[in-house]
Amino acid sequence: MASGPGPRRTVYALTAAGESAVDTWLAEPVRHVRQLRSHLLMKPALLDRRGLPGAGLLAAQRAALRPIPDSMAAERAAGKGFDAVLPAWRYHNVTAALRFLDEIS
């Protein structure tokens, strides 16, 4: 395929296997709190761009995140001083993500 005017470019296209892998990845909820900002925002955008519904991903993401705040209770209670900072950060990120999911669903 020609790249159009301007400098020569290489244009790539997904294979059927690549498209299947992307579809699988897009349907999977984000598993780590540290990836929420990048992956959780990217997946609904890509689903929308491809004309695919995002409701399944959002429901799966909610289900994956819902048990995390309760499971952090002991860790948060035990933390003193700076040892309490990271659990608090993770807790507030997860609860904010859950509120975000509720709002956009």
Protein backbone atom coordinates (compact mmCIF):
# COMPACT_ATOMS: atom_id res chain seq x y z
CA MET A 1 0.00 0.00 0.00
CA ALA A 2 1.31 3.46 -0.84
CA SER A 3 1.98 5.75 2.08
CA GLY A 4 0.68 8.91 0.45
CA PRO A 5 2.38 12.28 -0.06
CA GLY A 6 5.40 13.24 1.96
CA PRO A 7 8.25 11.06 3.17
CA ARG A 8 7.98 7.36 2.44
CA ARG A 9 6.23 5.53 5.28
CA THR A 10 5.56 1.92 6.06
CA VAL A 11 1.88 1.20 6.63
CA TYR A 12 1.09 -1.79 8.82
CA ALA A 13 -2.12 -3.78 9.14
CA LEU A 14 -3.19 -6.36 11.69
CA THR A 15 -3.27 -10.00 10.76
CA ALA A 16 -6.33 -12.03 11.75
CA ALA A 17 -4.33 -13.46 14.67
CA GLY A 18 -3.27 -9.96 15.70
CA GLU A 19 -6.82 -8.68 15.57
CA SER A 20 -7.96 -11.62 17.70
CA ALA A 21 -5.20 -10.90 20.24
CA VAL A 22 -6.23 -7.23 20.41
CA ASP A 23 -9.90 -8.18 20.87
CA THR A 24 -8.93 -10.51 23.74
CA TRP A 25 -6.79 -7.82 25.40
CA LEU A 26 -9.52 -5.21 25.03
CA ALA A 27 -12.04 -7.45 26.80
CA GLU A 28 -9.77 -8.19 29.78
CA PRO A 29 -10.00 -5.95 32.85
CA VAL A 30 -6.88 -4.25 34.14
CA ARG A 31 -5.41 -6.40 36.94
CA HIS A 32 -2.98 -4.01 38.61
CA VAL A 33 -3.86 -0.70 40.23
CA ARG A 34 -0.70 0.85 38.79
CA GLN A 35 -2.02 0.25 35.25
CA LEU A 36 -5.45 1.79 35.78
CA ARG A 37 -4.53 5.22 34.45
CA SER A 38 -2.97 4.03 31.21
CA HIS A 39 -4.84 0.84 30.31
CA LEU A 40 -8.24 1.63 31.79
CA LEU A 41 -8.43 4.85 29.81
CA MET A 42 -7.00 3.33 26.63
CA LYS A 43 -9.26 0.28 26.35
CA PRO A 44 -12.65 2.07 26.23
CA ALA A 45 -11.19 4.55 23.73
CA LEU A 46 -9.99 1.76 21.44
CA LEU A 47 -13.27 -0.13 21.77
CA ASP A 48 -15.16 3.01 20.82
CA ARG A 49 -12.85 3.68 17.88
CA ARG A 50 -13.48 0.15 16.60
CA GLY A 51 -17.24 0.55 17.05
CA LEU A 52 -17.38 -2.15 19.74
CA PRO A 53 -19.44 -1.93 22.94
CA GLY A 54 -17.54 -1.20 26.15
CA ALA A 55 -20.18 -2.36 28.66
CA GLY A 56 -18.67 -5.84 29.04
CA LEU A 57 -15.21 -4.46 29.76
CA LEU A 58 -16.56 -1.93 32.26
CA ALA A 59 -18.55 -4.62 34.11
CA ALA A 60 -15.53 -6.94 34.18
CA GLN A 61 -13.33 -4.08 35.40
CA ARG A 62 -15.77 -3.26 38.19
CA ALA A 63 -15.85 -6.93 39.24
CA ALA A 64 -12.05 -7.12 39.24
CA LEU A 65 -11.66 -3.97 41.37
CA ARG A 66 -14.59 -4.40 43.78
CA PRO A 67 -12.84 -6.79 46.25
CA ILE A 68 -9.60 -4.79 46.43
CA PRO A 69 -10.60 -2.01 48.88
CA ASP A 70 -11.94 -4.52 51.43
CA SER A 71 -8.85 -6.73 51.08
CA MET A 72 -6.67 -3.72 51.88
CA ALA A 73 -8.33 -2.99 55.24
CA ALA A 74 -5.78 -4.90 57.35
CA GLU A 75 -2.83 -3.44 55.44
CA ARG A 76 -4.18 0.09 55.86
CA ALA A 77 -4.87 -0.40 59.59
CA ALA A 78 -1.37 -1.78 60.23
CA GLY A 79 0.48 1.01 58.46
CA LYS A 80 2.14 3.69 60.56
CA GLY A 81 4.06 6.70 59.33
CA PHE A 82 5.21 6.41 55.75
CA ASP A 83 4.24 2.71 55.69
CA ALA A 84 0.65 3.93 55.58
CA VAL A 85 1.20 6.10 52.48
CA LEU A 86 1.35 3.43 49.76
CA PRO A 87 -1.70 1.47 50.98
CA ALA A 88 -3.63 4.75 51.22
CA TRP A 89 -2.55 5.69 47.70
CA ARG A 90 -3.63 2.32 46.30
CA TYR A 91 -6.92 2.40 48.23
CA HIS A 92 -7.87 5.85 46.98
CA ASN A 93 -6.89 4.99 43.40
CA VAL A 94 -9.07 1.87 43.43
CA THR A 95 -12.06 3.59 45.02
CA ALA A 96 -11.73 6.51 42.59
CA ALA A 97 -11.60 4.06 39.68
CA LEU A 98 -14.75 2.35 40.95
CA ARG A 99 -16.54 5.71 41.17
CA PHE A 100 -15.30 6.55 37.68
CA LEU A 101 -16.64 3.24 36.31
CA ASP A 102 -19.99 3.85 37.98
CA GLU A 103 -20.17 7.29 36.41
CA ILE A 104 -19.34 6.29 32.83
CA SER A 105 -21.44 3.11 32.79
